[in-house]
Amino acid sequence: MGPAWCEWLEVGLENTPVLETWRELEKMVATYFPGRGTLFEETYLEGKAEGKAESILSVLEKRGIGIPQDARDRITTCTDLDILTLWFDRSLTATTAEDLFAEA
């Protein structure tokens, strides 16, 4: 059974009791329905967020900027890719980790 069919079925199951069982079975295929909140998409986006957060920390560390634990926690727990992209851009010129979070 193809990944598209698996994900199509998940979308159709919506909030039925069998949805969680189906999601457990899906963990080995990729997404074909972006924007629908399927397990594949959630897993993919989590990985992208983790990678972006690691990049932010790496840039700050390589630039010799100290990262307090509260800033590190805020960066690593963020799952919003738009915010992480903004913080990454700011990490290239920031003088402190707190500069990432400044209001526009």
Protein backbone atom coordinates (compact mmCIF):
# COMPACT_ATOMS: atom_id res chain seq x y z
CA MET A 1 0.00 0.00 0.00
CA GLY A 2 1.44 3.36 -1.01
CA PRO A 3 2.19 6.28 1.27
CA ALA A 4 -0.41 8.51 -0.44
CA TRP A 5 -3.14 5.97 0.21
CA CYS A 6 -2.08 5.61 3.85
CA GLU A 7 -2.18 9.32 4.42
CA TRP A 8 -5.45 9.71 2.52
CA LEU A 9 -7.00 7.18 4.88
CA GLU A 10 -5.68 9.07 7.91
CA VAL A 11 -7.28 12.29 6.66
CA GLY A 12 -10.57 10.44 6.24
CA LEU A 13 -10.46 8.93 9.75
CA GLU A 14 -10.48 12.44 11.28
CA ASN A 15 -11.22 12.06 15.02
CA THR A 16 -12.50 8.49 15.06
CA PRO A 17 -11.28 6.05 17.75
CA VAL A 18 -9.19 4.09 15.22
CA LEU A 19 -7.18 7.18 14.18
CA GLU A 20 -4.45 6.73 16.81
CA THR A 21 -4.04 3.05 15.92
CA TRP A 22 -3.73 3.98 12.25
CA ARG A 23 -1.16 6.70 13.05
CA GLU A 24 1.00 4.12 14.81
CA LEU A 25 0.93 2.00 11.66
CA GLU A 26 1.84 4.94 9.41
CA LYS A 27 5.21 5.76 10.93
CA MET A 28 7.18 4.27 8.04
CA VAL A 29 5.91 6.34 5.08
CA ALA A 30 6.12 9.97 3.83
CA THR A 31 3.58 12.82 3.44
CA TYR A 32 1.50 13.55 0.34
CA PHE A 33 -1.11 15.83 1.92
CA PRO A 34 0.71 18.91 3.24
CA GLY A 35 -1.27 21.15 5.55
CA ARG A 36 -3.60 18.42 6.80
CA GLY A 37 -1.81 17.73 10.11
CA THR A 38 -1.10 14.06 9.45
CA LEU A 39 1.50 12.14 11.44
CA PHE A 40 3.95 12.29 8.52
CA GLU A 41 3.64 16.04 8.30
CA GLU A 42 3.96 16.52 12.07
CA THR A 43 7.07 14.34 12.16
CA TYR A 44 8.59 16.16 9.19
CA LEU A 45 7.90 19.59 10.67
CA GLU A 46 9.28 18.56 14.07
CA GLY A 47 12.49 17.50 12.36
CA LYS A 48 12.69 20.80 10.46
CA ALA A 49 12.13 22.78 13.67
CA GLU A 50 14.78 20.78 15.54
CA GLY A 51 17.25 21.31 12.71
CA LYS A 52 16.57 25.05 12.59
CA ALA A 53 16.95 25.34 16.38
CA GLU A 54 20.27 23.47 16.22
CA SER A 55 21.44 25.84 13.48
CA ILE A 56 20.59 28.89 15.58
CA LEU A 57 22.50 27.52 18.56
CA SER A 58 25.44 26.59 16.36
CA VAL A 59 25.67 30.07 14.81
CA LEU A 60 25.56 31.72 18.23
CA GLU A 61 28.19 29.34 19.62
CA LYS A 62 30.51 29.78 16.63
CA ARG A 63 30.18 33.55 16.97
CA GLY A 64 31.18 33.28 20.65
CA ILE A 65 27.83 34.45 21.96
CA GLY A 66 26.81 32.99 25.31
CA ILE A 67 23.46 31.24 25.42
CA PRO A 68 21.73 31.34 28.82
CA GLN A 69 19.69 28.23 29.64
CA ASP A 70 16.36 30.09 29.38
CA ALA A 71 17.25 31.27 25.84
CA ARG A 72 18.46 27.77 24.89
CA ASP A 73 15.18 26.29 26.18
CA ARG A 74 13.11 28.86 24.30
CA ILE A 75 14.95 28.10 21.06
CA THR A 76 14.85 24.31 21.38
CA THR A 77 11.17 24.12 22.36
CA CYS A 78 9.90 26.43 19.61
CA THR A 79 8.07 24.58 16.82
CA ASP A 80 7.03 27.60 14.72
CA LEU A 81 9.23 27.52 11.60
CA ASP A 82 8.53 31.18 10.79
CA ILE A 83 9.73 32.30 14.23
CA LEU A 84 12.75 29.99 14.06
CA THR A 85 13.64 31.42 10.65
CA LEU A 86 13.42 34.95 12.06
CA TRP A 87 15.62 33.94 15.00
CA PHE A 88 18.12 32.27 12.67
CA ASP A 89 18.37 35.44 10.58
CA ARG A 90 18.89 37.46 13.75
CA SER A 91 21.52 35.01 15.00
CA LEU A 92 23.79 36.10 12.15
CA THR A 93 24.09 39.65 13.53
CA ALA A 94 23.01 39.38 17.19
CA THR A 95 25.39 40.51 19.92
CA THR A 96 23.54 38.57 22.64
CA ALA A 97 21.18 35.59 22.59
CA GLU A 98 18.42 37.85 23.90
CA ASP A 99 18.67 39.89 20.66
CA LEU A 100 16.89 37.01 18.91
CA PHE A 101 13.71 37.68 20.84
CA ALA A 102 13.53 41.48 20.45
CA GLU A 103 10.18 42.85 19.35
CA ALA A 104 10.18 44.31 15.84
